């Protein structure tokens, strides 16, 4: 199929892009990686009158990893973030999640911020941002605002982006000391959207007792579902914590829907199984990090 007619714009600066978007209003769509927008156009699932191609705005193709976290610009490709050793050192969950996103060819072109703006509850990166308590920076003509992940995702393929705004960057906070992360999912084929998936974050104290345990669920609702199961772990040593009980709390804290790929009950069952795996692995990663630091003195 061919896309519906539209006016194509290729701004040369961020200011010009924001002016075009302001004039286009609800009739404007941003083209960055295009891995979601182009298929939707070709299938005529969206009918914008204006396409604003921001690929010329090279100042947005940045990835900065520092003590506060990883700041990803709007044109940073999945592969750029996935293969960065600095990013992996500051926030290893990003690399783990990105390796589950589609296939290398898609990751070479698709953008991290574009995936967030698309707001698909079956995608990995929205769950990562929600789990870590990250945020998205939105810019419009004359203003910018920072929107936390909990407020950014508002529904299936819906976000807090307003007409005329451009998502210019996303912040994935760094791991706290004695933290571990993991991501497990089930898909019909590797690279397909997950039937169910769970990202986990576990933080230990100096005695290797569980301080924080959270899980973010993929394909579990209209937006990423984050469940805090710290209480279920009872501040116990990570090796004897009730991870099965914590996983049951994750499972019971979700209300997935049925579709052609899975019933709601089967998807909920998967979420429980994956939560136990992810939480246990994240706790093990945290303990190993403590041991490595102790060994270095």
Protein backbone atom coordinates (compact mmCIF):
# COMPACT_ATOMS: atom_id res chain seq x y z
CA UNK A 1 0.00 0.00 0.00
CA UNK A 2 0.99 3.63 -0.40
CA UNK A 3 0.68 6.37 2.20
CA UNK A 4 -1.93 9.10 1.97
CA UNK A 5 -0.79 12.44 0.53
CA UNK A 6 1.13 14.74 2.87
CA UNK A 7 3.41 17.77 2.81
CA UNK A 8 7.03 16.89 3.56
CA UNK A 9 9.23 19.20 5.64
CA UNK A 10 12.97 18.83 6.30
CA UNK A 11 13.92 21.54 8.83
CA UNK A 12 17.58 22.48 9.23
CA UNK A 13 17.38 23.54 12.88
CA UNK A 14 15.45 22.63 16.00
CA UNK A 15 13.83 26.07 16.05
CA UNK A 16 12.60 25.64 12.48
CA UNK A 17 11.24 22.18 13.30
CA UNK A 18 9.31 23.51 16.27
CA UNK A 19 7.86 26.35 14.20
CA UNK A 20 6.64 23.87 11.57
CA UNK A 21 5.15 21.61 14.22
CA UNK A 22 3.42 24.56 15.86
CA UNK A 23 1.82 25.53 12.56
CA UNK A 24 0.85 21.94 11.75
CA UNK A 25 -0.76 21.29 15.15
CA UNK A 26 -2.65 18.00 15.24
CA UNK A 27 -1.98 17.48 11.53
CA UNK A 28 1.78 17.07 12.03
CA UNK A 29 3.83 13.90 12.57
CA UNK A 30 7.54 13.66 13.29
CA UNK A 31 9.73 11.33 11.22
CA UNK A 32 12.92 10.16 12.95
CA UNK A 33 13.65 6.42 12.67
CA UNK A 34 10.32 5.81 10.94
CA UNK A 35 10.15 2.15 11.96
CA UNK A 36 6.62 2.62 13.32
CA UNK A 37 5.42 5.68 11.41
CA UNK A 38 6.18 4.43 7.89
CA UNK A 39 4.23 1.14 8.25
CA UNK A 40 1.33 3.04 9.82
CA UNK A 41 1.33 5.47 6.91
CA UNK A 42 1.50 2.69 4.33
CA UNK A 43 -1.39 0.86 5.99
CA UNK A 44 -3.23 4.19 6.25
CA UNK A 45 -3.66 3.86 10.00
CA UNK A 46 -2.65 7.52 10.33
CA UNK A 47 -3.37 10.43 7.99
CA UNK A 48 -1.19 13.43 8.86
CA UNK A 49 -1.15 16.37 6.48
CA UNK A 50 2.43 17.24 7.40
CA UNK A 51 5.47 15.01 7.93
CA UNK A 52 8.37 16.76 9.70
CA UNK A 53 11.61 14.89 9.02
CA UNK A 54 14.04 15.71 11.86
CA UNK A 55 16.90 13.54 10.59
CA UNK A 56 18.85 16.65 9.62
CA UNK A 57 19.00 17.82 13.24
CA UNK A 58 22.29 16.11 14.08
CA UNK A 59 22.47 17.94 17.42
CA UNK A 60 19.76 15.53 18.61
CA UNK A 61 21.82 12.41 17.82
CA UNK A 62 23.58 12.44 21.18
CA UNK A 63 24.04 9.90 23.95
CA UNK A 64 25.50 11.11 27.25
CA UNK A 65 26.27 8.69 30.08
CA UNK A 66 27.16 10.20 33.44
CA UNK A 67 26.67 9.80 37.19
CA UNK A 68 23.04 10.86 36.95
CA UNK A 69 22.11 8.45 34.19
CA UNK A 70 21.90 8.16 30.41
CA UNK A 71 20.54 11.10 28.43
CA UNK A 72 19.46 9.97 24.96
CA UNK A 73 18.78 12.49 22.21
CA UNK A 74 15.86 12.18 19.82
CA UNK A 75 17.99 10.92 16.91
CA UNK A 76 20.11 8.41 18.83
CA UNK A 77 19.54 5.01 17.21
CA UNK A 78 18.82 1.85 19.16
CA UNK A 79 22.13 0.36 18.00
CA UNK A 80 24.09 3.43 19.09
CA UNK A 81 22.79 3.08 22.64
CA UNK A 82 22.97 -0.72 22.65
CA UNK A 83 26.66 -0.85 21.72
CA UNK A 84 27.86 1.97 23.98
CA UNK A 85 30.07 0.63 26.78
CA UNK A 86 29.58 3.89 28.72
CA UNK A 87 25.81 3.40 28.62
CA UNK A 88 26.12 -0.23 29.72
CA UNK A 89 28.29 0.78 32.66
CA UNK A 90 25.83 3.43 33.87
CA UNK A 91 22.53 1.69 33.04
CA UNK A 92 22.97 -1.96 31.97
CA UNK A 93 19.22 -2.52 31.71
CA UNK A 94 19.17 -0.45 28.52
CA UNK A 95 21.46 -2.87 26.71
CA UNK A 96 19.52 -5.88 28.01
CA UNK A 97 16.24 -4.41 26.80
CA UNK A 98 17.53 -3.20 23.46
CA UNK A 99 18.79 -6.66 22.53
CA UNK A 100 15.15 -7.77 22.68
CA UNK A 101 13.92 -4.98 20.38
CA UNK A 102 13.12 -6.26 16.88
CA UNK A 103 16.21 -7.15 14.81
CA UNK A 104 19.61 -5.51 14.15
CA UNK A 105 18.45 -3.91 10.90
CA UNK A 106 15.55 -2.24 12.72
CA UNK A 107 17.80 -1.19 15.61
CA UNK A 108 20.22 0.43 13.17
CA UNK A 109 17.53 2.87 12.15
CA UNK A 110 14.94 3.04 14.92
CA UNK A 111 15.38 5.61 17.68
CA UNK A 112 15.08 5.20 21.44
CA UNK A 113 13.07 8.38 21.93
CA UNK A 114 10.87 7.53 18.97
CA UNK A 115 9.99 4.21 20.60
CA UNK A 116 9.01 6.06 23.77
CA UNK A 117 6.93 8.60 21.85
CA UNK A 118 5.14 5.75 20.03
CA UNK A 119 4.05 4.55 23.49
CA UNK A 120 3.32 0.96 22.58
CA UNK A 121 2.60 -0.99 25.80
CA UNK A 122 4.05 -4.10 24.12
CA UNK A 123 7.44 -2.40 23.60
CA UNK A 124 10.42 -2.83 25.89
CA UNK A 125 11.74 0.73 26.26
CA UNK A 126 8.60 2.30 27.76
CA UNK A 127 8.74 -0.37 30.49
CA UNK A 128 12.42 0.39 31.15
CA UNK A 129 11.77 4.12 31.46
CA UNK A 130 8.80 3.51 33.78
CA UNK A 131 10.72 1.05 35.97
CA UNK A 132 13.68 3.39 36.40
CA UNK A 133 11.55 6.47 37.01
CA UNK A 134 12.97 8.26 33.98
CA UNK A 135 11.57 11.20 32.09
CA UNK A 136 11.09 12.64 28.61
CA UNK A 137 11.93 16.23 27.67
CA UNK A 138 9.41 17.86 25.35
CA UNK A 139 10.04 21.04 23.40
CA UNK A 140 7.68 23.40 21.64
CA UNK A 141 8.09 26.83 20.12
CA UNK A 142 9.19 28.93 23.10
CA UNK A 143 8.98 26.31 25.87
CA UNK A 144 10.31 23.01 27.19
CA UNK A 145 8.98 20.70 29.86
CA UNK A 146 10.14 17.51 31.58
CA UNK A 147 7.52 14.78 31.91
CA UNK A 148 8.13 11.82 34.25
CA UNK A 149 7.51 8.37 32.84
CA UNK A 150 4.50 7.83 35.10
CA UNK A 151 2.73 10.76 33.46
CA UNK A 152 4.15 10.40 29.95
CA UNK A 153 2.40 7.17 28.92
CA UNK A 154 -1.34 7.78 28.91
CA UNK A 155 -2.77 4.89 26.89
CA UNK A 156 -2.09 2.49 24.00
CA UNK A 157 -0.06 4.50 21.46
CA UNK A 158 -0.89 7.64 23.45
CA UNK A 159 1.46 9.90 25.35
CA UNK A 160 1.60 13.30 27.02
CA UNK A 161 2.97 14.84 23.80
CA UNK A 162 0.85 17.83 22.81
CA UNK A 163 0.27 19.11 19.28
CA UNK A 164 3.31 21.14 18.25
CA UNK A 165 5.69 19.39 20.66
CA UNK A 166 8.78 17.36 19.89
CA UNK A 167 10.29 14.76 22.23
CA UNK A 168 13.92 15.92 22.19
CA UNK A 169 15.50 13.57 24.76
CA UNK A 170 14.89 10.95 27.43
CA UNK A 171 16.68 10.41 30.73
CA UNK A 172 17.24 6.89 32.06
CA UNK A 173 18.52 7.31 35.65
CA UNK A 174 21.69 5.52 36.72
CA UNK A 175 21.57 2.52 39.01
CA UNK A 176 21.91 3.16 42.72
CA UNK A 177 24.70 1.31 44.57
CA UNK A 178 24.05 -2.41 45.22
CA UNK A 179 21.47 -2.59 42.44
CA UNK A 180 20.75 -5.23 39.85
CA UNK A 181 18.44 -5.41 36.83
CA UNK A 182 17.07 -8.04 34.47
CA UNK A 183 14.65 -8.33 31.56
CA UNK A 184 12.83 -11.48 30.48
CA UNK A 185 10.11 -11.85 27.88
CA UNK A 186 8.29 -14.43 25.79
CA UNK A 187 7.70 -13.77 22.09
CA UNK A 188 6.54 -16.03 19.27
CA UNK A 189 9.87 -15.35 17.55
CA UNK A 190 12.88 -13.41 18.76
CA UNK A 191 12.35 -9.79 17.78
CA UNK A 192 8.56 -10.01 17.68
CA UNK A 193 6.51 -7.99 20.13
CA UNK A 194 6.41 -9.78 23.47
CA UNK A 195 3.39 -11.86 24.44
CA UNK A 196 4.51 -10.89 27.94
CA UNK A 197 7.65 -9.41 29.45
CA UNK A 198 9.03 -8.25 32.78
CA UNK A 199 11.87 -5.87 33.61
CA UNK A 200 13.06 -6.00 37.23
CA UNK A 201 15.07 -3.78 39.56
CA UNK A 202 16.37 -4.93 42.95
CA UNK A 203 18.37 -2.85 45.43
CA UNK A 204 20.16 -4.43 48.42
CA UNK A 205 21.61 -2.96 51.59
CA UNK A 206 25.16 -3.57 52.82
CA UNK A 207 24.04 -6.83 54.45
CA UNK A 208 22.59 -8.03 51.12
CA UNK A 209 19.02 -7.66 52.34
CA UNK A 210 16.35 -6.54 49.88
CA UNK A 211 15.59 -2.83 50.19
CA UNK A 212 13.71 -2.28 46.93
CA UNK A 213 12.17 -4.68 44.43
CA UNK A 214 10.10 -3.48 41.48
CA UNK A 215 8.91 -5.01 38.24
CA UNK A 216 7.63 -3.36 35.06
CA UNK A 217 5.36 -5.49 32.90
CA UNK A 218 5.13 -5.46 29.10
CA UNK A 219 1.88 -6.33 27.31
CA UNK A 220 0.08 -6.20 30.65
CA UNK A 221 -2.19 -3.19 30.16
CA UNK A 222 -2.71 0.03 28.21
CA UNK A 223 0.56 1.47 29.60
CA UNK A 224 3.64 -0.08 31.23
CA UNK A 225 2.56 -1.55 34.57
CA UNK A 226 5.04 -1.06 37.44
CA UNK A 227 4.51 -3.16 40.58
CA UNK A 228 6.46 -2.52 43.78
CA UNK A 229 7.00 -5.81 45.62
CA UNK A 230 9.51 -4.58 48.20
CA UNK A 231 7.10 -5.43 51.02
CA UNK A 232 6.68 -8.99 49.80
CA UNK A 233 10.43 -9.53 50.24
CA UNK A 234 10.28 -8.58 53.92
CA UNK A 235 13.76 -7.02 54.00
CA UNK A 236 15.20 -10.52 53.93
CA UNK A 237 18.61 -11.60 52.56
CA UNK A 238 18.24 -11.81 48.80
CA UNK A 239 18.97 -15.55 48.71
CA UNK A 240 16.11 -16.39 51.06
CA UNK A 241 13.60 -13.78 49.98
CA UNK A 242 10.21 -15.05 48.81
CA UNK A 243 10.67 -14.32 45.12
CA UNK A 244 7.81 -16.64 44.20
CA UNK A 245 5.48 -14.69 46.45
CA UNK A 246 6.78 -11.43 45.03
CA UNK A 247 6.19 -12.73 41.52
CA UNK A 248 2.63 -13.69 42.49
CA UNK A 249 2.11 -10.09 43.63
CA UNK A 250 3.33 -8.89 40.23
CA UNK A 251 1.00 -11.32 38.48
CA UNK A 252 -1.98 -10.29 40.60
CA UNK A 253 -1.18 -6.61 40.09
CA UNK A 254 -1.80 -6.80 36.36
CA UNK A 255 -4.93 -7.01 34.22
CA UNK A 256 -3.76 -8.05 30.74
CA UNK A 257 -6.19 -8.39 27.89
CA UNK A 258 -6.73 -11.30 25.54
CA UNK A 259 -5.83 -11.07 21.86
CA UNK A 260 -5.14 -13.45 18.97
CA UNK A 261 -1.79 -14.41 20.52
CA UNK A 262 -2.77 -15.23 24.11
CA UNK A 263 -5.67 -15.34 26.50
CA UNK A 264 -5.67 -12.97 29.45
CA UNK A 265 -5.14 -15.88 31.88
CA UNK A 266 -2.19 -17.25 29.93
CA UNK A 267 -0.60 -13.81 29.68
CA UNK A 268 -1.07 -13.28 33.43
CA UNK A 269 0.52 -16.69 34.09
CA UNK A 270 3.50 -15.74 31.93
CA UNK A 271 3.93 -12.49 33.80
CA UNK A 272 4.20 -14.39 37.07
CA UNK A 273 6.77 -16.83 35.71
CA UNK A 274 8.84 -14.08 34.09
CA UNK A 275 8.64 -11.88 37.18
CA UNK A 276 10.15 -14.62 39.35
CA UNK A 277 12.99 -15.13 36.87
CA UNK A 278 13.66 -11.43 36.43
CA UNK A 279 13.50 -10.53 40.13
CA UNK A 280 15.75 -13.41 41.12
CA UNK A 281 18.28 -12.56 38.43
CA UNK A 282 18.24 -8.87 39.34
CA UNK A 283 18.87 -9.72 43.00
CA UNK A 284 21.74 -12.00 42.02
CA UNK A 285 23.23 -9.25 39.86
CA UNK A 286 23.03 -6.83 42.80
CA UNK A 287 24.74 -9.30 45.15
CA UNK A 288 27.50 -9.97 42.62
CA UNK A 289 28.07 -6.24 42.27
CA UNK A 290 28.54 -5.97 46.05
CA UNK A 291 30.96 -8.90 45.99
CA UNK A 292 32.99 -7.41 43.13
CA UNK A 293 33.34 -4.10 44.93
CA UNK A 294 34.35 -5.88 48.14
CA UNK A 295 36.99 -7.86 46.27
CA UNK A 296 38.45 -4.65 44.84
CA UNK A 297 38.73 -3.31 48.39
